[in-house]
C-alpha atoms as a PDB file:
ATOM      1  CA  UNK A   1      42.071  25.467 -45.289  1.00  0.00           C
ATOM      2  CA  UNK A   2      39.988  27.136 -42.510  1.00  0.00           C
ATOM      3  CA  UNK A   3      38.939  30.670 -42.417  1.00  0.00           C
ATOM      4  CA  UNK A   4      39.892  33.623 -40.369  1.00  0.00           C
ATOM      5  CA  UNK A   5      38.367  35.079 -37.185  1.00  0.00           C
ATOM      6  CA  UNK A   6      35.731  37.695 -37.855  1.00  0.00           C
ATOM      7  CA  UNK A   7      37.958  40.725 -36.306  1.00  0.00           C
ATOM      8  CA  UNK A   8      40.433  40.272 -39.839  1.00  0.00           C
ATOM      9  CA  UNK A   9      37.328  40.752 -41.935  1.00  0.00           C
ATOM     10  CA  UNK A  10      37.375  44.341 -42.844  1.00  0.00           C
ATOM     11  CA  UNK A  11      41.123  44.644 -42.622  1.00  0.00           C
ATOM     12  CA  UNK A  12      40.987  41.703 -45.328  1.00  0.00           C
ATOM     13  CA  UNK A  13      38.131  43.502 -47.311  1.00  0.00           C
ATOM     14  CA  UNK A  14      40.630  46.900 -47.296  1.00  0.00           C
ATOM     15  CA  UNK A  15      43.562  45.129 -48.328  1.00  0.00           C
ATOM     16  CA  UNK A  16      41.695  42.767 -51.071  1.00  0.00           C
ATOM     17  CA  UNK A  17      40.794  46.636 -52.707  1.00  0.00           C
ATOM     18  CA  UNK A  18      44.161  47.404 -52.892  1.00  0.00           C
ATOM     19  CA  UNK A  19      45.722  44.022 -54.364  1.00  0.00           C
ATOM     20  CA  UNK A  20      42.338  43.889 -56.751  1.00  0.00           C
ATOM     21  CA  UNK A  21      42.991  47.613 -58.060  1.00  0.00           C
ATOM     22  CA  UNK A  22      47.422  46.602 -58.466  1.00  0.00           C
ATOM     23  CA  UNK A  23      46.378  44.007 -61.261  1.00  0.00           C
ATOM     24  CA  UNK A  24      45.469  45.065 -64.470  1.00  0.00           C
ATOM     25  CA  UNK A  25      43.434  41.799 -65.064  1.00  0.00           C
ATOM     26  CA  UNK A  26      42.392  41.668 -61.686  1.00  0.00           C
ATOM     27  CA  UNK A  27      42.352  38.762 -59.647  1.00  0.00           C
ATOM     28  CA  UNK A  28      40.257  35.402 -59.031  1.00  0.00           C
ATOM     29  CA  UNK A  29      38.171  33.552 -56.355  1.00  0.00           C
ATOM     30  CA  UNK A  30      40.956  30.901 -56.159  1.00  0.00           C
ATOM     31  CA  UNK A  31      43.790  33.720 -56.064  1.00  0.00           C
ATOM     32  CA  UNK A  32      41.679  35.261 -53.046  1.00  0.00           C
ATOM     33  CA  UNK A  33      41.243  32.337 -51.675  1.00  0.00           C
ATOM     34  CA  UNK A  34      45.247  31.296 -51.295  1.00  0.00           C
ATOM     35  CA  UNK A  35      45.762  35.070 -50.439  1.00  0.00           C
ATOM     36  CA  UNK A  36      43.718  35.475 -47.236  1.00  0.00           C
ATOM     37  CA  UNK A  37      43.720  31.371 -46.796  1.00  0.00           C
ATOM     38  CA  UNK A  38      39.950  31.082 -46.729  1.00  0.00           C
ATOM     39  CA  UNK A  39      37.562  28.398 -48.389  1.00  0.00           C
ATOM     40  CA  UNK A  40      36.298  29.232 -51.757  1.00  0.00           C
ATOM     41  CA  UNK A  41      32.624  29.982 -50.473  1.00  0.00           C
ATOM     42  CA  UNK A  42      34.599  32.872 -47.773  1.00  0.00           C
ATOM     43  CA  UNK A  43      36.120  34.276 -51.231  1.00  0.00           C
ATOM     44  CA  UNK A  44      32.830  34.716 -53.375  1.00  0.00           C
ATOM     45  CA  UNK A  45      31.622  36.607 -49.771  1.00  0.00           C
ATOM     46  CA  UNK A  46      34.703  38.748 -49.773  1.00  0.00           C
ATOM     47  CA  UNK A  47      34.303  39.628 -53.475  1.00  0.00           C
ATOM     48  CA  UNK A  48      30.684  40.142 -52.804  1.00  0.00           C
ATOM     49  CA  UNK A  49      31.236  42.371 -49.961  1.00  0.00           C
ATOM     50  CA  UNK A  50      33.661  44.478 -52.105  1.00  0.00           C
ATOM     51  CA  UNK A  51      31.112  44.814 -54.754  1.00  0.00           C
ATOM     52  CA  UNK A  52      28.515  46.472 -52.391  1.00  0.00           C
ATOM     53  CA  UNK A  53      31.283  48.972 -51.087  1.00  0.00           C
ATOM     54  CA  UNK A  54      32.667  49.519 -54.424  1.00  0.00           C
ATOM     55  CA  UNK A  55      30.266  49.683 -57.341  1.00  0.00           C
ATOM     56  CA  UNK A  56      32.698  50.069 -59.824  1.00  0.00           C
ATOM     57  CA  UNK A  57      34.069  46.403 -58.823  1.00  0.00           C
ATOM     58  CA  UNK A  58      32.914  44.061 -61.870  1.00  0.00           C
ATOM     59  CA  UNK A  59      34.086  40.763 -64.196  1.00  0.00           C
ATOM     60  CA  UNK A  60      37.026  41.546 -66.385  1.00  0.00           C
ATOM     61  CA  UNK A  61      37.027  39.965 -69.807  1.00  0.00           C
ATOM     62  CA  UNK A  62      40.623  37.864 -69.975  1.00  0.00           C
ATOM     63  CA  UNK A  63      41.864  35.388 -72.421  1.00  0.00           C
ATOM     64  CA  UNK A  64      41.832  32.263 -70.035  1.00  0.00           C
ATOM     65  CA  UNK A  65      39.086  30.059 -68.901  1.00  0.00           C
ATOM     66  CA  UNK A  66      38.162  31.929 -65.085  1.00  0.00           C
ATOM     67  CA  UNK A  67      36.430  34.731 -64.368  1.00  0.00           C
ATOM     68  CA  UNK A  68      38.192  38.030 -63.146  1.00  0.00           C
ATOM     69  CA  UNK A  69      37.643  40.568 -61.246  1.00  0.00           C
ATOM     70  CA  UNK A  70      39.024  43.795 -60.548  1.00  0.00           C
ATOM     71  CA  UNK A  71      38.303  47.562 -60.688  1.00  0.00           C
ATOM     72  CA  UNK A  72      36.629  49.021 -64.360  1.00  0.00           C
ATOM     73  CA  UNK A  73      38.439  52.605 -63.138  1.00  0.00           C
ATOM     74  CA  UNK A  74      40.431  54.388 -60.596  1.00  0.00           C
ATOM     75  CA  UNK A  75      37.784  54.970 -58.139  1.00  0.00           C
ATOM     76  CA  UNK A  76      40.060  54.349 -55.379  1.00  0.00           C
ATOM     77  CA  UNK A  77      43.248  55.625 -56.151  1.00  0.00           C
ATOM     78  CA  UNK A  78      42.700  59.452 -55.638  1.00  0.00           C
ATOM     79  CA  UNK A  79      43.444  59.469 -51.894  1.00  0.00           C
ATOM     80  CA  UNK A  80      47.167  59.795 -52.565  1.00  0.00           C
ATOM     81  CA  UNK A  81      50.315  59.813 -54.587  1.00  0.00           C
ATOM     82  CA  UNK A  82      53.392  59.031 -54.123  1.00  0.00           C
ATOM     83  CA  UNK A  83      56.984  60.170 -55.898  1.00  0.00           C
ATOM     84  CA  UNK A  84      58.157  56.730 -58.595  1.00  0.00           C
ATOM     85  CA  UNK A  85      61.900  57.864 -56.471  1.00  0.00           C
ATOM     86  CA  UNK A  86      59.894  56.963 -52.588  1.00  0.00           C
ATOM     87  CA  UNK A  87      58.354  54.139 -54.381  1.00  0.00           C
ATOM     88  CA  UNK A  88      62.043  52.718 -55.869  1.00  0.00           C
ATOM     89  CA  UNK A  89      63.423  52.907 -52.696  1.00  0.00           C
ATOM     90  CA  UNK A  90      61.439  50.966 -51.050  1.00  0.00           C
ATOM     91  CA  UNK A  91      61.672  48.261 -54.172  1.00  0.00           C
ATOM     92  CA  UNK A  92      65.290  48.580 -53.457  1.00  0.00           C
ATOM     93  CA  UNK A  93      64.759  47.707 -49.376  1.00  0.00           C
ATOM     94  CA  UNK A  94      62.702  44.503 -50.935  1.00  0.00           C
ATOM     95  CA  UNK A  95      64.752  42.878 -53.501  1.00  0.00           C
ATOM     96  CA  UNK A  96      68.038  43.191 -50.684  1.00  0.00           C
ATOM     97  CA  UNK A  97      66.367  42.034 -48.012  1.00  0.00           C
ATOM     98  CA  UNK A  98      67.060  38.095 -46.787  1.00  0.00           C
ATOM     99  CA  UNK A  99      64.168  38.026 -44.179  1.00  0.00           C
ATOM    100  CA  UNK A 100      61.579  36.429 -45.980  1.00  0.00           C
ATOM    101  CA  UNK A 101      58.929  37.798 -43.800  1.00  0.00           C
ATOM    102  CA  UNK A 102      60.324  41.751 -44.672  1.00  0.00           C
ATOM    103  CA  UNK A 103      60.049  41.007 -47.852  1.00  0.00           C
ATOM    104  CA  UNK A 104      56.682  39.410 -48.015  1.00  0.00           C
ATOM    105  CA  UNK A 105      55.847  42.496 -46.110  1.00  0.00           C
ATOM    106  CA  UNK A 106      57.415  45.053 -48.236  1.00  0.00           C
ATOM    107  CA  UNK A 107      55.647  43.598 -51.309  1.00  0.00           C
ATOM    108  CA  UNK A 108      52.316  44.714 -49.874  1.00  0.00           C
ATOM    109  CA  UNK A 109      53.488  48.095 -48.955  1.00  0.00           C
ATOM    110  CA  UNK A 110      54.592  48.610 -52.578  1.00  0.00           C
ATOM    111  CA  UNK A 111      51.389  46.953 -53.670  1.00  0.00           C
ATOM    112  CA  UNK A 112      49.268  49.951 -51.622  1.00  0.00           C
ATOM    113  CA  UNK A 113      51.222  52.903 -52.885  1.00  0.00           C
ATOM    114  CA  UNK A 114      51.276  51.606 -56.588  1.00  0.00           C
ATOM    115  CA  UNK A 115      47.550  51.416 -56.180  1.00  0.00           C
ATOM    116  CA  UNK A 116      46.774  54.455 -54.694  1.00  0.00           C
ATOM    117  CA  UNK A 117      49.496  56.105 -57.008  1.00  0.00           C
ATOM    118  CA  UNK A 118      48.129  54.961 -60.587  1.00  0.00           C
ATOM    119  CA  UNK A 119      45.898  57.651 -60.948  1.00  0.00           C
ATOM    120  CA  UNK A 120      49.112  60.311 -60.994  1.00  0.00           C
ATOM    121  CA  UNK A 121      51.216  58.114 -62.852  1.00  0.00           C
ATOM    122  CA  UNK A 122      51.325  60.438 -65.949  1.00  0.00           C
ATOM    123  CA  UNK A 123      50.521  63.934 -66.864  1.00  0.00           C
ATOM    124  CA  UNK A 124      46.666  64.955 -66.308  1.00  0.00           C
ATOM    125  CA  UNK A 125      46.815  65.747 -70.335  1.00  0.00           C
ATOM    126  CA  UNK A 126      48.048  61.740 -71.032  1.00  0.00           C
ATOM    127  CA  UNK A 127      45.574  60.355 -69.190  1.00  0.00           C
ATOM    128  CA  UNK A 128      42.086  61.687 -69.827  1.00  0.00           C
ATOM    129  CA  UNK A 129      41.418  60.008 -72.701  1.00  0.00           C
ATOM    130  CA  UNK A 130      42.710  56.732 -70.815  1.00  0.00           C
ATOM    131  CA  UNK A 131      40.124  58.153 -68.055  1.00  0.00           C
ATOM    132  CA  UNK A 132      37.374  58.624 -70.346  1.00  0.00           C
ATOM    133  CA  UNK A 133      37.671  54.999 -72.055  1.00  0.00           C
ATOM    134  CA  UNK A 134      37.424  52.797 -68.661  1.00  0.00           C
ATOM    135  CA  UNK A 135      34.412  55.138 -68.034  1.00  0.00           C
ATOM    136  CA  UNK A 136      32.780  54.341 -71.234  1.00  0.00           C
ATOM    137  CA  UNK A 137      33.052  57.882 -73.013  1.00  0.00           C
ATOM    138  CA  UNK A 138      35.535  57.568 -75.456  1.00  0.00           C
ATOM    139  CA  UNK A 139      36.602  54.090 -77.645  1.00  0.00           C
ATOM    140  CA  UNK A 140      40.116  54.364 -79.060  1.00  0.00           C
ATOM    141  CA  UNK A 141      39.028  52.982 -82.766  1.00  0.00           C
ATOM    142  CA  UNK A 142      42.561  52.167 -84.448  1.00  0.00           C
ATOM    143  CA  UNK A 143      43.798  49.101 -86.236  1.00  0.00           C
ATOM    144  CA  UNK A 144      46.334  47.201 -83.633  1.00  0.00           C
ATOM    145  CA  UNK A 145      47.867  44.141 -83.279  1.00  0.00           C
ATOM    146  CA  UNK A 146      46.238  42.042 -80.325  1.00  0.00           C
ATOM    147  CA  UNK A 147      48.214  42.278 -77.135  1.00  0.00           C
ATOM    148  CA  UNK A 148      46.442  39.451 -74.274  1.00  0.00           C
ATOM    149  CA  UNK A 149      45.921  40.780 -70.311  1.00  0.00           C
ATOM    150  CA  UNK A 150      48.789  38.327 -69.375  1.00  0.00           C
ATOM    151  CA  UNK A 151      51.374  39.716 -71.517  1.00  0.00           C
ATOM    152  CA  UNK A 152      50.730  43.595 -70.429  1.00  0.00           C
ATOM    153  CA  UNK A 153      50.720  42.064 -66.653  1.00  0.00           C
ATOM    154  CA  UNK A 154      53.918  40.312 -67.319  1.00  0.00           C
ATOM    155  CA  UNK A 155      55.764  43.559 -68.892  1.00  0.00           C
ATOM    156  CA  UNK A 156      54.121  45.829 -66.077  1.00  0.00           C
ATOM    157  CA  UNK A 157      55.115  43.524 -63.511  1.00  0.00           C
ATOM    158  CA  UNK A 158      58.880  43.360 -65.404  1.00  0.00           C
ATOM    159  CA  UNK A 159      59.297  46.862 -65.389  1.00  0.00           C
ATOM    160  CA  UNK A 160      58.001  47.661 -61.664  1.00  0.00           C
ATOM    161  CA  UNK A 161      60.056  45.342 -59.669  1.00  0.00           C
ATOM    162  CA  UNK A 162      63.329  45.597 -62.640  1.00  0.00           C
ATOM    163  CA  UNK A 163      62.680  41.696 -62.987  1.00  0.00           C
ATOM    164  CA  UNK A 164      63.981  40.313 -66.207  1.00  0.00           C
ATOM    165  CA  UNK A 165      61.675  38.305 -68.747  1.00  0.00           C
ATOM    166  CA  UNK A 166      62.316  35.414 -71.121  1.00  0.00           C
ATOM    167  CA  UNK A 167      60.444  34.583 -74.529  1.00  0.00           C
ATOM    168  CA  UNK A 168      60.746  33.796 -77.947  1.00  0.00           C
ATOM    169  CA  UNK A 169      61.121  36.459 -80.569  1.00  0.00           C
ATOM    170  CA  UNK A 170      61.721  35.657 -84.187  1.00  0.00           C
ATOM    171  CA  UNK A 171      62.105  31.835 -83.736  1.00  0.00           C
ATOM    172  CA  UNK A 172      65.058  32.580 -80.332  1.00  0.00           C
ATOM    173  CA  UNK A 173      64.531  33.074 -76.665  1.00  0.00           C
ATOM    174  CA  UNK A 174      65.721  36.213 -75.541  1.00  0.00           C
ATOM    175  CA  UNK A 175      66.660  37.932 -72.062  1.00  0.00           C
ATOM    176  CA  UNK A 176      65.174  41.221 -71.728  1.00  0.00           C
ATOM    177  CA  UNK A 177      65.166  43.435 -69.563  1.00  0.00           C
ATOM    178  CA  UNK A 178      62.201  45.742 -70.275  1.00  0.00           C
ATOM    179  CA  UNK A 179      62.466  49.290 -69.487  1.00  0.00           C
ATOM    180  CA  UNK A 180      58.650  50.298 -70.931  1.00  0.00           C
ATOM    181  CA  UNK A 181      56.264  50.519 -73.699  1.00  0.00           C
ATOM    182  CA  UNK A 182      55.623  52.965 -76.777  1.00  0.00           C
ATOM    183  CA  UNK A 183      51.903  52.761 -77.949  1.00  0.00           C
ATOM    184  CA  UNK A 184      50.940  53.622 -81.424  1.00  0.00           C
ATOM    185  CA  UNK A 185      50.189  52.322 -84.522  1.00  0.00           C
ATOM    186  CA  UNK A 186      52.163  49.092 -82.841  1.00  0.00           C
ATOM    187  CA  UNK A 187      53.525  48.295 -79.297  1.00  0.00           C
ATOM    188  CA  UNK A 188      56.766  48.270 -78.771  1.00  0.00           C
ATOM    189  CA  UNK A 189      58.637  47.115 -76.077  1.00  0.00           C
ATOM    190  CA  UNK A 190      61.716  49.177 -74.611  1.00  0.00           C
ATOM    191  CA  UNK A 191      64.078  46.959 -73.474  1.00  0.00           C
ATOM    192  CA  UNK A 192      67.804  45.815 -73.444  1.00  0.00           C
ATOM    193  CA  UNK A 193      69.067  42.236 -74.140  1.00  0.00           C
ATOM    194  CA  UNK A 194      71.313  40.569 -71.950  1.00  0.00           C
ATOM    195  CA  UNK A 195      73.105  38.574 -74.798  1.00  0.00           C
ATOM    196  CA  UNK A 196      73.644  42.219 -76.704  1.00  0.00           C
ATOM    197  CA  UNK A 197      75.227  43.963 -74.183  1.00  0.00           C
ATOM    198  CA  UNK A 198      74.021  47.410 -72.640  1.00  0.00           C
ATOM    199  CA  UNK A 199      72.384  48.776 -76.191  1.00  0.00           C
ATOM    200  CA  UNK A 200      68.176  49.970 -75.815  1.00  0.00           C
ATOM    201  CA  UNK A 201      66.526  48.353 -78.848  1.00  0.00           C
ATOM    202  CA  UNK A 202      62.391  48.605 -79.488  1.00  0.00           C
ATOM    203  CA  UNK A 203      60.616  45.013 -80.136  1.00  0.00           C
ATOM    204  CA  UNK A 204      57.255  44.858 -81.641  1.00  0.00           C
ATOM    205  CA  UNK A 205      56.351  43.358 -78.887  1.00  0.00           C
ATOM    206  CA  UNK A 206      53.507  41.069 -80.616  1.00  0.00           C
ATOM    207  CA  UNK A 207      55.755  39.415 -82.249  1.00  0.00           C
ATOM    208  CA  UNK A 208      57.192  38.230 -78.538  1.00  0.00           C
ATOM    209  CA  UNK A 209      56.292  34.409 -77.541  1.00  0.00           C
ATOM    210  CA  UNK A 210      55.598  32.786 -74.285  1.00  0.00           C
ATOM    211  CA  UNK A 211      56.617  35.959 -72.725  1.00  0.00           C
ATOM    212  CA  UNK A 212      57.999  34.912 -68.458  1.00  0.00           C
ATOM    213  CA  UNK A 213      58.736  36.582 -65.893  1.00  0.00           C
ATOM    214  CA  UNK A 214      61.956  35.057 -63.853  1.00  0.00           C
ATOM    215  CA  UNK A 215      63.399  35.859 -60.855  1.00  0.00           C
ATOM    216  CA  UNK A 216      67.136  37.848 -62.215  1.00  0.00           C
ATOM    217  CA  UNK A 217      66.910  41.675 -61.217  1.00  0.00           C
ATOM    218  CA  UNK A 218      68.144  44.122 -63.013  1.00  0.00           C
ATOM    219  CA  UNK A 219      69.497  47.582 -62.745  1.00  0.00           C
ATOM    220  CA  UNK A 220      67.716  50.171 -64.913  1.00  0.00           C
ATOM    221  CA  UNK A 221      70.208  52.547 -63.870  1.00  0.00           C
ATOM    222  CA  UNK A 222      69.522  56.511 -65.223  1.00  0.00           C
ATOM    223  CA  UNK A 223      66.817  55.324 -67.903  1.00  0.00           C
ATOM    224  CA  UNK A 224      64.287  57.462 -68.649  1.00  0.00           C
ATOM    225  CA  UNK A 225      61.597  56.089 -70.938  1.00  0.00           C
ATOM    226  CA  UNK A 226      60.232  60.204 -71.930  1.00  0.00           C
ATOM    227  CA  UNK A 227      63.758  61.298 -72.065  1.00  0.00           C
ATOM    228  CA  UNK A 228      64.128  58.040 -73.942  1.00  0.00           C
ATOM    229  CA  UNK A 229      61.420  58.841 -76.383  1.00  0.00           C
ATOM    230  CA  UNK A 230      62.284  62.216 -76.930  1.00  0.00           C
ATOM    231  CA  UNK A 231      64.919  61.914 -79.157  1.00  0.00           C
ATOM    232  CA  UNK A 232      62.899  60.016 -81.462  1.00  0.00           C
ATOM    233  CA  UNK A 233      60.353  61.322 -83.864  1.00  0.00           C
ATOM    234  CA  UNK A 234      58.939  57.571 -83.837  1.00  0.00           C
ATOM    235  CA  UNK A 235      60.351  54.840 -82.435  1.00  0.00           C
ATOM    236  CA  UNK A 236      63.501  54.576 -84.635  1.00  0.00           C
ATOM    237  CA  UNK A 237      66.576  56.384 -83.204  1.00  0.00           C
ATOM    238  CA  UNK A 238      69.786  57.722 -84.921  1.00  0.00           C
ATOM    239  CA  UNK A 239      71.197  61.396 -85.816  1.00  0.00           C
ATOM    240  CA  UNK A 240      69.184  64.007 -84.244  1.00  0.00           C
ATOM    241  CA  UNK A 241      67.620  66.243 -87.413  1.00  0.00           C
ATOM    242  CA  UNK A 242      66.831  70.138 -86.607  1.00  0.00           C
ATOM    243  CA  UNK A 243      63.289  69.921 -88.821  1.00  0.00           C
ATOM    244  CA  UNK A 244      61.341  72.570 -89.716  1.00  0.00           C
ATOM    245  CA  UNK A 245      57.964  72.072 -91.748  1.00  0.00           C
ATOM    246  CA  UNK A 246      56.111  75.070 -93.529  1.00  0.00           C
ATOM    247  CA  UNK A 247      52.410  74.379 -93.145  1.00  0.00           C
ATOM    248  CA  UNK A 248      50.312  76.285 -96.046  1.00  0.00           C
ATOM    249  CA  UNK A 249      46.901  79.198 -95.041  1.00  0.00           C
ATOM    250  CA  UNK A 250      44.713  75.885 -95.295  1.00  0.00           C
ATOM    251  CA  UNK A 251      46.868  73.954 -93.164  1.00  0.00           C
ATOM    252  CA  UNK A 252      47.780  76.206 -90.320  1.00  0.00           C
ATOM    253  CA  UNK A 253      45.365  76.402 -88.402  1.00  0.00           C
ATOM    254  CA  UNK A 254      45.101  72.605 -87.751  1.00  0.00           C
ATOM    255  CA  UNK A 255      48.934  72.488 -87.899  1.00  0.00           C
ATOM    256  CA  UNK A 256      48.696  75.100 -85.052  1.00  0.00           C
ATOM    257  CA  UNK A 257      47.000  72.866 -82.878  1.00  0.00           C
ATOM    258  CA  UNK A 258      48.894  69.838 -83.261  1.00  0.00           C
ATOM    259  CA  UNK A 259      51.270  67.904 -81.328  1.00  0.00           C
ATOM    260  CA  UNK A 260      54.090  66.828 -83.540  1.00  0.00           C
ATOM    261  CA  UNK A 261      56.781  66.409 -80.777  1.00  0.00           C
ATOM    262  CA  UNK A 262      57.449  66.995 -77.297  1.00  0.00           C
ATOM    263  CA  UNK A 263      60.317  69.779 -77.978  1.00  0.00           C
ATOM    264  CA  UNK A 264      58.161  71.363 -80.721  1.00  0.00           C
ATOM    265  CA  UNK A 265      57.984  75.421 -80.928  1.00  0.00           C
ATOM    266  CA  UNK A 266      55.838  76.931 -83.444  1.00  0.00           C
ATOM    267  CA  UNK A 267      55.164  80.665 -85.170  1.00  0.00           C
ATOM    268  CA  UNK A 268      52.962  82.159 -87.608  1.00  0.00           C
ATOM    269  CA  UNK A 269      54.131  83.984 -90.588  1.00  0.00           C
ATOM    270  CA  UNK A 270      52.966  86.970 -91.670  1.00  0.00           C
ATOM    271  CA  UNK A 271      51.492  85.888 -94.865  1.00  0.00           C
ATOM    272  CA  UNK A 272      49.226  83.201 -92.802  1.00  0.00           C
ATOM    273  CA  UNK A 273      51.527  80.074 -92.650  1.00  0.00           C
ATOM    274  CA  UNK A 274      52.473  78.241 -89.924  1.00  0.00           C
ATOM    275  CA  UNK A 275      56.390  77.060 -89.082  1.00  0.00           C
ATOM    276  CA  UNK A 276      56.881  73.906 -86.933  1.00  0.00           C
ATOM    277  CA  UNK A 277      60.456  73.029 -85.286  1.00  0.00           C
ATOM    278  CA  UNK A 278      61.473  70.346 -83.773  1.00  0.00           C
ATOM    279  CA  UNK A 279      64.355  68.356 -82.528  1.00  0.00           C
ATOM    280  CA  UNK A 280      64.099  64.691 -83.303  1.00  0.00           C
ATOM    281  CA  UNK A 281      65.850  60.915 -85.193  1.00  0.00           C
ATOM    282  CA  UNK A 282      64.199  58.855 -87.024  1.00  0.00           C
ATOM    283  CA  UNK A 283      63.780  60.320 -90.571  1.00  0.00           C
ATOM    284  CA  UNK A 284      62.161  57.742 -92.471  1.00  0.00           C
ATOM    285  CA  UNK A 285      58.838  58.610 -90.247  1.00  0.00           C
ATOM    286  CA  UNK A 286      59.531  61.901 -90.196  1.00  0.00           C
ATOM    287  CA  UNK A 287      58.823  61.767 -94.202  1.00  0.00           C
ATOM    288  CA  UNK A 288      55.674  59.002 -93.362  1.00  0.00           C
ATOM    289  CA  UNK A 289      54.071  61.631 -91.410  1.00  0.00           C
ATOM    290  CA  UNK A 290      55.096  64.799 -93.677  1.00  0.00           C
ATOM    291  CA  UNK A 291      53.417  62.685 -96.712  1.00  0.00           C
ATOM    292  CA  UNK A 292      50.200  62.380 -94.637  1.00  0.00           C
ATOM    293  CA  UNK A 293      49.343  66.450 -94.360  1.00  0.00           C
ATOM    294  CA  UNK A 294      50.074  66.481 -98.472  1.00  0.00           C
ATOM    295  CA  UNK A 295      50.853  69.467-100.379  1.00  0.00           C
ATOM    296  CA  UNK A 296      50.256  72.170 -97.947  1.00  0.00           C
ATOM    297  CA  UNK A 297      53.093  70.268 -95.743  1.00  0.00           C
ATOM    298  CA  UNK A 298      57.150  71.121 -96.995  1.00  0.00           C
ATOM    299  CA  UNK A 299      60.159  70.212 -95.702  1.00  0.00           C
ATOM    300  CA  UNK A 300      62.290  73.734 -95.184  1.00  0.00           C
ATOM    301  CA  UNK A 301      65.321  71.786 -92.876  1.00  0.00           C
ATOM    302  CA  UNK A 302      67.234  69.723 -93.222  1.00  0.00           C
ATOM    303  CA  UNK A 303      68.375  70.135 -96.840  1.00  0.00           C
ATOM    304  CA  UNK A 304      68.979  66.191 -96.400  1.00  0.00           C
ATOM    305  CA  UNK A 305      65.705  65.328 -95.195  1.00  0.00           C
ATOM    306  CA  UNK A 306      64.065  67.322 -97.776  1.00  0.00           C
ATOM    307  CA  UNK A 307      66.411  65.386-100.231  1.00  0.00           C
ATOM    308  CA  UNK A 308      65.157  62.241 -98.451  1.00  0.00           C
ATOM    309  CA  UNK A 309      61.156  63.115 -99.074  1.00  0.00           C
ATOM    310  CA  UNK A 310      62.006  63.842-103.081  1.00  0.00           C
ATOM    311  CA  UNK A 311      63.446  60.560-103.567  1.00  0.00           C
ATOM    312  CA  UNK A 312      60.686  58.459-101.503  1.00  0.00           C
ATOM    313  CA  UNK A 313      57.747  60.389-103.435  1.00  0.00           C
ATOM    314  CA  UNK A 314      59.578  59.894-106.648  1.00  0.00           C
ATOM    315  CA  UNK A 315      60.567  56.253-105.842  1.00  0.00           C
ATOM    316  CA  UNK A 316      56.283  55.426-104.893  1.00  0.00           C
ATOM    317  CA  UNK A 317      55.237  57.462-108.316  1.00  0.00           C
ATOM    318  CA  UNK A 318      57.909  55.421-110.279  1.00  0.00           C
ATOM    319  CA  UNK A 319      56.540  52.529-108.740  1.00  0.00           C
ATOM    320  CA  UNK A 320      52.473  53.064-108.889  1.00  0.00           C
END
């Protein structure tokens, strides 16, 4: 394996920065050596050069035995942004071309665009917590199933490049069209399953085994993850309910500052109570959430949900 001429070094270092920041779990020395067709020693020098230029490049903890190196914040991704449509157009060209060299060049271009675009992928208010976590100023402290970085990388690649994945779920091998993920106390994979047709399902990500990326591609059509999640209160989809919740004077200040659902609106009442309105499916999850607020939260509408909540309270009290 021969090293490249010296004049290519600067461009390779910049390309490595982009390549490294596009990977959630970073890259190994072996991957660097293979990508740039250099010796292991030269790959190590390239990594060292990058750490001198970008102080936020460091070792990333992963589940395998190899050391991974990557960016621990998004320090190079604040230069420019591209719309999802612009990136999707280039990805379509990459999938359709039969020219191997052009396919590789388009792949590198897409890597660059996504690397620069990472900090713009979500609204700022949704990214503040993530930024503070990566900078060491915040911790997400809640019980949660452990999901490996390798699994997340597979899903990320599958969603970005519209590639199907295979995996074992409830003892059965599945061919999945990954559309996105929903984070909460549990992490759900939003996907279509080839054998089930065009329906969209939510799968518990931690229950998948041996998830692998395939070269089979799919068309996600007009699917929009944000619009999809806006239809439900949690992860379950069904009949859309027009919900009205009434909060006591004691809970009103807290409820007025709480984000219940993207469709919500609220108003202060003359007696100091606060009313919240939203439209969503997932009656059982709404009930679970109302229960957490205690006696100071009442379901006003719909009547069917009120009755369901009373039944839920009675059953739990009788079984206590």
